[in-house]
Amino acid sequence: MNFRLHIFLLLGVLLIPVAGLTQLVKVASFAPRRADTVIVERNWRTREKIILAELEFHQGDTVNPENLEKSLKKIWNLQNFVTVDYRWDSLPGGKSGLILTARDALTIYPVFGGRMQSGDFTVKAGISDRNFLGRNIRVEARGQFSTMETLFGEFRLTVPRQLLWKNLALTGGLRMEDLAYQRIWSEEVFVHVTNPFHEDYRLKLAPNLETGLIQHYRGSLPTFFNDSLPSYKRKYWYIRLTETFGTITRRRHQEEGFSLLTLIGTGIGLEPDSRSYFRASLRAEYDRILTSRLQLTAQWEGHYTSNENGSFWQRYGPGNIRGIGYGDLSGPLMQLTSAGLYYTWLNWDYLAVEQSFFVQYASAWTPKANPANFKQHYAIGTGFQFTIPMYPAASLYVSFSWNPNGEWFYLEL
């Protein structure tokens, strides 16, 4: 099944015709012209400074279709707008004005959602603002309750590049988690620094840095754990470097582009039983707009860690691949492959409906275990996504799939 499915996915990508494909963000051809003034309108919440910071040019510069198209893509990728557009106006004295329309979506919302599969129920609650003070600052506090997955609470704050130097951005957060499947309590605090020399649509080596403290322990914990279990404590200071090649352009619910994310990191043990470990991940995504309504998406991700403690391994659940329970696939070496066609039935400001036809495959392997511990799973199905572009927080996804476990229904809010 493994070999045949990968061949199927590869052929599916290669056989898609490339002629006559549309673009997600397209600027009509025009002769280069000077933007004597640049005006932003309909941004009732986002500050003008934030939008202008995404432009590939400044007021008074010469604008051409290429740098205008790239600028519009960067504004869309803020993911705070329901509409992004432009027009040229003639000004007295033969001058030209570039008018940018950036219509804000509602980005302050209570977090309430979850997912459900037979015997597996998860609910999330909290509050989030993706555009705090209209400055693209992101503040989020949320918690999760689940019958199968982890229980956690987390807080995250991001200061965007538009407020800092060049493309520098800072994210900090803390997370407390009840790993009920192993009766372990987890605590993590981290800081992520986006490299100021990173550029979205230019290939340039500029890795990002993340560092933090993480510990998993069992003992006298603020949980309902069984005290008869042996004590357990693992504590690490970790460092991770990430680099992304390529950029995905996101416009409402659609995506276009290619990206390759690489991660390497190490955890330095801070306790006698905490052996230092190595970690690496690779994730590739390809999105192509075949027509204005039809999108092709193919993704692959792989994860490896030398940490022998299962509480530090990646864990897949129904949100990753349909039909499994949370943690059914877990190990120091894992991979996930998926491909799908996505058709947009409706794309209004207050309702977007998209249907997907997908195939998924995932596997997990423990190298030191016997071959029977190699686990794999696949799913084939269709799903329907209902979103409100004016209020991106409101989303409903339901899918129906065929897979070896027979769990055919999946719901996510």
Protein backbone atom coordinates (compact mmCIF):
# COMPACT_ATOMS: atom_id res chain seq x y z
CA MET A 1 0.00 0.00 0.00
CA ASN A 2 2.83 2.37 0.86
CA PHE A 3 4.53 2.12 -2.54
CA ARG A 4 1.33 2.15 -4.60
CA LEU A 5 -0.09 5.16 -2.80
CA HIS A 6 3.05 7.23 -3.27
CA ILE A 7 3.09 6.39 -6.99
CA PHE A 8 -0.57 7.42 -7.20
CA LEU A 9 0.14 10.76 -5.55
CA LEU A 10 3.14 11.43 -7.75
CA LEU A 11 1.26 10.64 -10.96
CA GLY A 12 -1.67 12.76 -9.83
CA VAL A 13 0.58 15.79 -9.56
CA LEU A 14 2.50 15.16 -12.78
CA LEU A 15 -0.56 14.54 -14.93
CA ILE A 16 -2.31 17.78 -14.03
CA PRO A 17 -2.18 20.00 -17.15
CA VAL A 18 -0.20 23.19 -16.64
CA ALA A 19 -1.49 25.13 -19.65
CA GLY A 20 -4.05 27.85 -19.11
CA LEU A 21 -3.84 27.88 -15.30
CA THR A 22 -5.13 30.97 -13.51
CA GLN A 23 -3.40 32.94 -10.77
CA LEU A 24 -4.69 33.61 -7.28
CA VAL A 25 -3.50 37.24 -7.34
CA LYS A 26 -3.14 38.75 -10.81
CA VAL A 27 -2.40 42.32 -11.87
CA ALA A 28 -3.38 43.43 -15.38
CA SER A 29 -0.51 44.47 -17.61
CA PHE A 30 0.29 48.19 -17.68
CA ALA A 31 3.22 50.40 -18.60
CA PRO A 32 5.45 51.26 -15.60
CA ARG A 33 4.23 54.48 -14.00
CA ARG A 34 5.17 56.67 -11.10
CA ALA A 35 2.98 56.47 -7.98
CA ASP A 36 3.05 60.15 -7.01
CA THR A 37 0.75 59.37 -4.12
CA VAL A 38 -0.38 56.12 -2.48
CA ILE A 39 -3.70 56.08 -0.67
CA VAL A 40 -5.19 53.21 1.37
CA GLU A 41 -8.96 53.01 1.77
CA ARG A 42 -11.56 50.87 3.56
CA ASN A 43 -9.05 49.78 6.22
CA TRP A 44 -11.38 50.62 9.09
CA ARG A 45 -9.18 48.83 11.64
CA THR A 46 -5.70 48.10 10.27
CA ARG A 47 -3.37 51.10 10.46
CA GLU A 48 -2.22 52.48 7.11
CA LYS A 49 1.42 52.12 8.23
CA ILE A 50 1.00 48.34 8.51
CA ILE A 51 -0.33 48.03 4.96
CA LEU A 52 2.24 50.37 3.40
CA ALA A 53 5.05 48.40 5.08
CA GLU A 54 4.17 45.41 2.85
CA LEU A 55 4.67 47.30 -0.42
CA GLU A 56 7.65 46.58 -2.64
CA PHE A 57 7.87 50.30 -3.43
CA HIS A 58 7.36 53.70 -1.79
CA GLN A 59 5.38 56.76 -2.70
CA GLY A 60 7.13 58.49 -5.58
CA ASP A 61 8.66 55.26 -6.94
CA THR A 62 7.97 53.70 -10.33
CA VAL A 63 5.46 50.88 -10.11
CA ASN A 64 5.25 47.96 -12.55
CA PRO A 65 2.93 44.93 -12.68
CA GLU A 66 5.52 42.67 -11.05
CA ASN A 67 6.19 44.68 -7.89
CA LEU A 68 2.51 45.63 -7.54
CA GLU A 69 1.44 41.98 -7.78
CA LYS A 70 3.99 40.96 -5.17
CA SER A 71 2.81 43.77 -2.89
CA LEU A 72 -0.82 42.65 -3.14
CA LYS A 73 0.21 39.08 -2.29
CA LYS A 74 2.01 40.27 0.84
CA ILE A 75 -1.03 42.26 1.95
CA TRP A 76 -3.29 39.23 1.42
CA ASN A 77 -0.86 37.15 3.47
CA LEU A 78 -1.50 39.30 6.52
CA GLN A 79 -4.79 37.34 6.53
CA ASN A 80 -6.67 40.25 8.06
CA PHE A 81 -8.64 41.32 4.98
CA VAL A 82 -11.70 40.13 3.12
CA THR A 83 -10.86 42.23 0.03
CA VAL A 84 -7.56 43.51 -1.39
CA ASP A 85 -7.55 45.44 -4.67
CA TYR A 86 -6.10 48.49 -6.44
CA ARG A 87 -6.86 51.17 -9.01
CA TRP A 88 -5.07 54.11 -10.62
CA ASP A 89 -6.44 57.66 -10.41
CA SER A 90 -5.31 60.64 -12.49
CA LEU A 91 -4.24 63.70 -10.52
CA PRO A 92 -3.80 67.33 -11.57
CA GLY A 93 -0.55 68.12 -13.35
CA GLY A 94 -0.40 64.75 -15.10
CA LYS A 95 0.39 62.89 -11.88
CA SER A 96 -0.91 59.45 -10.88
CA GLY A 97 -2.33 58.16 -7.63
CA LEU A 98 -2.35 54.50 -6.63
CA ILE A 99 -5.42 53.65 -4.55
CA LEU A 100 -5.20 50.44 -2.51
CA THR A 101 -8.37 48.88 -1.14
CA ALA A 102 -7.85 46.73 1.94
CA ARG A 103 -11.19 45.87 3.51
CA ASP A 104 -10.73 44.59 7.04
CA ALA A 105 -12.24 41.33 8.25
CA LEU A 106 -13.31 40.87 11.88
CA THR A 107 -10.23 39.52 13.66
CA ILE A 108 -11.24 39.80 17.34
CA TYR A 109 -13.15 36.73 18.34
CA PRO A 110 -13.79 34.23 21.09
CA VAL A 111 -12.12 30.90 20.43
CA PHE A 112 -14.68 28.13 20.48
CA GLY A 113 -14.21 25.05 18.39
CA GLY A 114 -13.12 21.47 18.34
CA ARG A 115 -13.36 18.26 16.42
CA MET A 116 -15.23 15.02 16.71
CA GLN A 117 -14.81 11.48 15.50
CA SER A 118 -16.47 8.40 16.95
CA GLY A 119 -15.11 7.99 20.50
CA ASP A 120 -12.89 11.06 20.15
CA PHE A 121 -14.20 14.47 21.19
CA THR A 122 -12.13 17.66 21.53
CA VAL A 123 -13.25 21.21 22.36
CA LYS A 124 -11.20 24.44 22.46
CA ALA A 125 -12.08 27.74 24.11
CA GLY A 126 -10.37 31.09 24.60
CA ILE A 127 -9.98 34.51 23.01
CA SER A 128 -7.86 35.73 20.12
CA ASP A 129 -7.05 38.95 18.31
CA ARG A 130 -5.06 38.61 15.08
CA ASN A 131 -4.84 42.40 14.63
CA PHE A 132 -4.49 43.93 18.11
CA LEU A 133 -4.72 47.75 18.08
CA GLY A 134 -4.86 47.54 14.27
CA ARG A 135 -1.10 46.88 14.19
CA ASN A 136 -1.11 43.19 13.19
CA ILE A 137 -0.05 42.22 16.73
CA ARG A 138 -1.38 38.76 17.52
CA VAL A 139 -2.58 37.88 21.01
CA GLU A 140 -4.10 34.53 21.84
CA ALA A 141 -5.11 32.67 24.98
CA ARG A 142 -6.78 29.29 24.65
CA GLY A 143 -7.35 25.98 26.32
CA GLN A 144 -8.37 22.51 25.19
CA PHE A 145 -10.37 19.68 26.72
CA SER A 146 -10.41 16.27 25.05
CA THR A 147 -11.43 12.70 25.70
CA MET A 148 -8.45 11.38 23.72
CA GLU A 149 -6.00 14.20 23.03
CA THR A 150 -4.01 16.34 25.45
CA LEU A 151 -5.56 18.89 27.80
CA PHE A 152 -3.72 22.20 27.65
CA GLY A 153 -3.72 25.94 28.20
CA GLU A 154 -1.50 28.37 26.31
CA PHE A 155 -0.77 32.05 25.79
CA ARG A 156 0.97 33.45 22.71
CA LEU A 157 2.00 36.98 21.68
CA THR A 158 3.49 38.01 18.30
CA VAL A 159 5.00 41.41 17.50
CA PRO A 160 5.03 41.60 13.66
CA ARG A 161 7.76 42.78 11.35
CA GLN A 162 5.82 45.91 10.41
CA LEU A 163 6.60 47.30 13.89
CA LEU A 164 10.24 46.20 14.08
CA TRP A 165 13.44 46.40 12.04
CA LYS A 166 13.38 45.06 8.48
CA ASN A 167 11.59 41.67 8.62
CA LEU A 168 12.32 40.97 12.29
CA ALA A 169 9.35 39.54 14.19
CA LEU A 170 9.13 38.20 17.75
CA THR A 171 6.80 35.56 19.18
CA GLY A 172 6.73 34.45 22.80
CA GLY A 173 4.48 32.10 24.69
CA LEU A 174 3.94 29.54 27.37
CA ARG A 175 2.04 26.28 27.34
CA MET A 176 0.94 23.88 30.09
CA GLU A 177 -0.25 20.48 28.99
CA ASP A 178 -1.69 17.36 30.58
CA LEU A 179 -0.37 14.40 28.57
CA ALA A 180 -3.08 12.13 29.89
CA TYR A 181 -2.15 9.22 27.63
CA GLN A 182 1.12 8.87 29.61
CA ARG A 183 -0.04 10.57 32.85
CA ILE A 184 2.62 13.24 32.44
CA TRP A 185 2.46 17.00 32.99
CA SER A 186 4.24 19.25 30.48
CA GLU A 187 5.38 22.88 30.76
CA GLU A 188 7.01 24.95 28.01
CA VAL A 189 8.09 28.58 27.59
CA PHE A 190 9.61 29.80 24.33
CA VAL A 191 10.74 32.77 22.22
CA HIS A 192 10.77 32.65 18.40
CA VAL A 193 12.81 35.21 16.43
CA THR A 194 12.11 35.69 12.72
CA ASN A 195 15.30 36.57 10.85
CA PRO A 196 15.23 40.26 9.82
CA PHE A 197 16.92 39.39 6.51
CA HIS A 198 14.26 36.88 5.46
CA GLU A 199 12.32 37.87 2.31
CA ASP A 200 9.00 36.35 1.34
CA TYR A 201 9.31 36.00 -2.42
CA ARG A 202 13.08 35.80 -2.82
CA LEU A 203 15.22 32.75 -2.12
CA LYS A 204 17.65 33.82 0.57
CA LEU A 205 19.27 31.83 3.37
CA ALA A 206 18.09 33.51 6.57
CA PRO A 207 17.13 30.94 9.24
CA ASN A 208 14.84 31.78 12.14
CA LEU A 209 15.72 30.97 15.75
CA GLU A 210 13.58 29.52 18.52
CA THR A 211 14.71 28.75 22.03
CA GLY A 212 12.97 27.77 25.22
CA LEU A 213 12.63 25.51 28.23
CA ILE A 214 10.48 22.39 28.30
CA GLN A 215 9.91 19.81 30.99
CA HIS A 216 7.77 16.71 31.36
CA TYR A 217 7.25 15.24 34.80
CA ARG A 218 5.11 12.96 36.91
CA GLY A 219 4.76 13.09 40.68
CA SER A 220 2.89 15.50 42.96
CA LEU A 221 1.10 17.21 40.11
CA PRO A 222 -1.98 19.42 39.87
CA THR A 223 -3.81 16.59 38.08
CA PHE A 224 -5.70 13.42 38.89
CA PHE A 225 -2.72 11.19 38.15
CA ASN A 226 -2.25 7.92 39.95
CA ASP A 227 0.54 8.49 42.52
CA SER A 228 1.45 4.81 42.37
CA LEU A 229 3.08 5.35 38.98
CA PRO A 230 6.86 5.75 39.05
CA SER A 231 8.19 9.29 39.19
CA TYR A 232 9.34 10.84 35.93
CA LYS A 233 11.13 14.10 35.15
CA ARG A 234 12.76 15.27 31.93
CA LYS A 235 13.89 18.87 31.50
CA TYR A 236 15.61 20.50 28.49
CA TRP A 237 16.76 23.80 27.14
CA TYR A 238 16.19 23.59 23.40
CA ILE A 239 17.38 25.51 20.35
CA ARG A 240 15.78 25.21 16.91
CA LEU A 241 16.68 26.71 13.56
CA THR A 242 14.01 26.88 10.87
CA GLU A 243 14.28 27.97 7.26
CA THR A 244 11.51 28.33 4.70
CA PHE A 245 12.20 28.35 0.98
CA GLY A 246 9.32 29.67 -1.08
CA THR A 247 6.09 31.34 -0.01
CA ILE A 248 2.44 30.29 -0.05
CA THR A 249 0.07 33.09 -1.06
CA ARG A 250 -3.20 32.92 0.88
CA ARG A 251 -6.36 34.64 -0.31
CA ARG A 252 -9.36 33.84 1.82
CA HIS A 253 -9.64 30.04 1.85
CA GLN A 254 -7.46 29.48 -1.23
CA GLU A 255 -3.68 29.05 -1.49
CA GLU A 256 -1.10 29.18 -4.24
CA GLY A 257 2.64 28.59 -4.32
CA PHE A 258 5.34 26.26 -3.02
CA SER A 259 7.19 26.18 0.29
CA LEU A 260 9.79 23.95 1.86
CA LEU A 261 10.22 24.21 5.63
CA THR A 262 13.30 22.73 7.28
CA LEU A 263 13.92 22.45 11.01
CA ILE A 264 16.94 21.25 12.95
CA GLY A 265 17.33 21.51 16.68
CA THR A 266 18.77 20.08 19.84
CA GLY A 267 17.59 19.66 23.38
CA ILE A 268 20.22 19.98 26.12
CA GLY A 269 19.37 17.93 29.18
CA LEU A 270 19.07 19.82 32.47
CA GLU A 271 18.30 16.79 34.65
CA PRO A 272 20.38 13.62 35.31
CA ASP A 273 17.92 11.45 33.33
CA SER A 274 17.51 13.98 30.53
CA ARG A 275 19.85 12.93 27.75
CA SER A 276 20.50 15.54 25.07
CA TYR A 277 18.77 14.84 21.78
CA PHE A 278 18.64 15.89 18.13
CA ARG A 279 15.50 16.81 16.20
CA ALA A 280 14.81 17.42 12.50
CA SER A 281 11.69 18.07 10.43
CA LEU A 282 10.98 18.68 6.77
CA ARG A 283 7.69 19.91 5.32
CA ALA A 284 6.85 20.60 1.67
CA GLU A 285 3.62 22.06 0.30
CA TYR A 286 2.54 22.74 -3.27
CA ASP A 287 -0.67 24.61 -4.13
CA ARG A 288 -1.81 25.38 -7.65
CA ILE A 289 -4.91 27.22 -8.84
CA LEU A 290 -6.13 25.24 -11.85
CA THR A 291 -9.17 27.44 -12.45
CA SER A 292 -10.71 30.26 -10.43
CA ARG A 293 -12.66 27.60 -8.50
CA LEU A 294 -10.39 24.54 -8.54
CA GLN A 295 -7.19 24.12 -6.52
CA LEU A 296 -4.65 21.31 -6.35
CA THR A 297 -2.78 20.76 -3.07
CA ALA A 298 -0.03 18.26 -2.29
CA GLN A 299 1.81 18.07 1.05
CA TRP A 300 4.49 15.96 2.69
CA GLU A 301 6.07 16.16 6.13
CA GLY A 302 8.63 14.06 7.97
CA HIS A 303 9.84 14.17 11.58
CA TYR A 304 12.76 12.58 13.41
CA THR A 305 14.01 12.81 16.99
CA SER A 306 16.68 10.90 18.85
CA ASN A 307 14.79 11.45 22.12
CA GLU A 308 13.81 8.00 23.42
CA ASN A 309 11.01 9.33 25.63
CA GLY A 310 7.61 8.83 24.02
CA SER A 311 6.19 12.02 25.54
CA PHE A 312 8.47 14.03 23.20
CA TRP A 313 7.42 12.22 20.02
CA GLN A 314 5.10 13.64 17.39
CA ARG A 315 1.57 12.25 17.69
CA TYR A 316 -0.94 12.08 14.84
CA GLY A 317 -4.70 12.13 15.28
CA PRO A 318 -7.83 12.49 13.13
CA GLY A 319 -6.97 16.14 12.53
CA ASN A 320 -3.88 14.93 10.64
CA ILE A 321 -5.22 11.83 8.91
CA ARG A 322 -8.83 10.67 8.97
CA GLY A 323 -9.85 7.50 10.75
CA ILE A 324 -7.25 7.16 13.53
CA GLY A 325 -7.45 7.98 17.21
CA TYR A 326 -5.08 10.53 18.70
CA GLY A 327 -1.67 8.93 19.24
CA ASP A 328 -2.39 5.81 17.19
CA LEU A 329 0.56 6.88 15.04
CA SER A 330 3.52 8.03 17.10
CA GLY A 331 7.25 7.39 17.04
CA PRO A 332 10.70 8.96 16.70
CA LEU A 333 10.45 8.66 12.89
CA MET A 334 7.20 9.69 11.20
CA GLN A 335 5.85 10.93 7.90
CA LEU A 336 2.57 12.15 6.44
CA THR A 337 1.59 12.52 2.76
CA SER A 338 -1.61 14.02 1.39
CA ALA A 339 -2.99 15.29 -1.89
CA GLY A 340 -6.35 16.73 -2.84
CA LEU A 341 -8.49 18.70 -5.23
CA TYR A 342 -10.49 21.58 -3.74
CA TYR A 343 -13.51 23.04 -5.54
CA THR A 344 -15.11 26.33 -4.45
CA TRP A 345 -18.87 26.25 -4.86
CA LEU A 346 -19.49 29.68 -3.30
CA ASN A 347 -17.09 32.54 -2.55
CA TRP A 348 -19.16 35.39 -1.13
CA ASP A 349 -18.05 37.85 1.55
CA TYR A 350 -20.30 36.20 4.13
CA LEU A 351 -20.18 32.58 2.98
CA ALA A 352 -17.60 30.43 1.21
CA VAL A 353 -18.23 26.75 0.51
CA GLU A 354 -15.41 24.48 -0.63
CA GLN A 355 -15.46 20.74 -1.33
CA SER A 356 -12.33 18.58 -1.25
CA PHE A 357 -11.46 15.16 -2.64
CA PHE A 358 -8.42 13.86 -0.78
CA VAL A 359 -6.10 10.91 -0.24
CA GLN A 360 -3.83 10.63 2.82
CA TYR A 361 -1.10 8.27 4.00
CA ALA A 362 0.95 8.31 7.23
CA SER A 363 3.40 6.01 8.98
CA ALA A 364 5.42 5.85 12.19
CA TRP A 365 8.47 3.75 12.98
CA THR A 366 10.48 2.99 16.09
CA PRO A 367 13.93 1.94 14.79
CA LYS A 368 14.91 -0.04 17.91
CA ALA A 369 11.66 -1.96 18.01
CA ASN A 370 10.68 -5.04 16.03
CA PRO A 371 9.18 -4.67 12.53
CA ALA A 372 5.68 -5.21 13.93
CA ASN A 373 5.89 -1.74 15.49
CA PHE A 374 5.96 -0.11 12.07
CA LYS A 375 2.49 1.42 11.81
CA GLN A 376 0.78 2.93 8.80
CA HIS A 377 -2.62 4.25 7.85
CA TYR A 378 -4.40 5.69 4.82
CA ALA A 379 -7.68 7.44 4.08
CA ILE A 380 -9.58 8.46 0.94
CA GLY A 381 -12.59 10.73 1.08
CA THR A 382 -14.35 14.01 0.53
CA GLY A 383 -14.97 16.99 2.80
CA PHE A 384 -16.94 20.24 2.91
CA GLN A 385 -15.57 23.46 4.38
CA PHE A 386 -17.97 26.30 5.29
CA THR A 387 -16.32 29.64 6.15
CA ILE A 388 -17.29 33.30 6.52
CA PRO A 389 -14.53 35.43 4.90
CA MET A 390 -15.75 38.55 6.72
CA TYR A 391 -15.36 36.65 10.01
CA PRO A 392 -12.54 34.11 9.49
CA ALA A 393 -13.00 32.58 12.94
CA ALA A 394 -16.31 31.03 11.88
CA SER A 395 -15.62 27.76 10.11
CA LEU A 396 -17.21 24.32 9.87
CA TYR A 397 -15.57 21.31 8.25
CA VAL A 398 -17.15 17.90 7.80
CA SER A 399 -15.59 14.97 5.96
CA PHE A 400 -16.47 11.41 5.00
CA SER A 401 -13.70 8.94 4.33
CA TRP A 402 -12.88 5.31 3.67
CA ASN A 403 -10.02 3.92 5.77
CA PRO A 404 -8.98 0.63 7.43
CA ASN A 405 -10.41 1.58 10.84
CA GLY A 406 -13.88 2.26 9.49
CA GLU A 407 -14.20 5.68 11.17
CA TRP A 408 -15.96 7.36 8.25
CA PHE A 409 -17.19 10.63 9.83
CA TYR A 410 -15.12 13.62 11.00
CA LEU A 411 -16.30 17.06 12.17
CA GLU A 412 -14.22 20.14 13.00
CA LEU A 413 -15.27 23.62 14.15
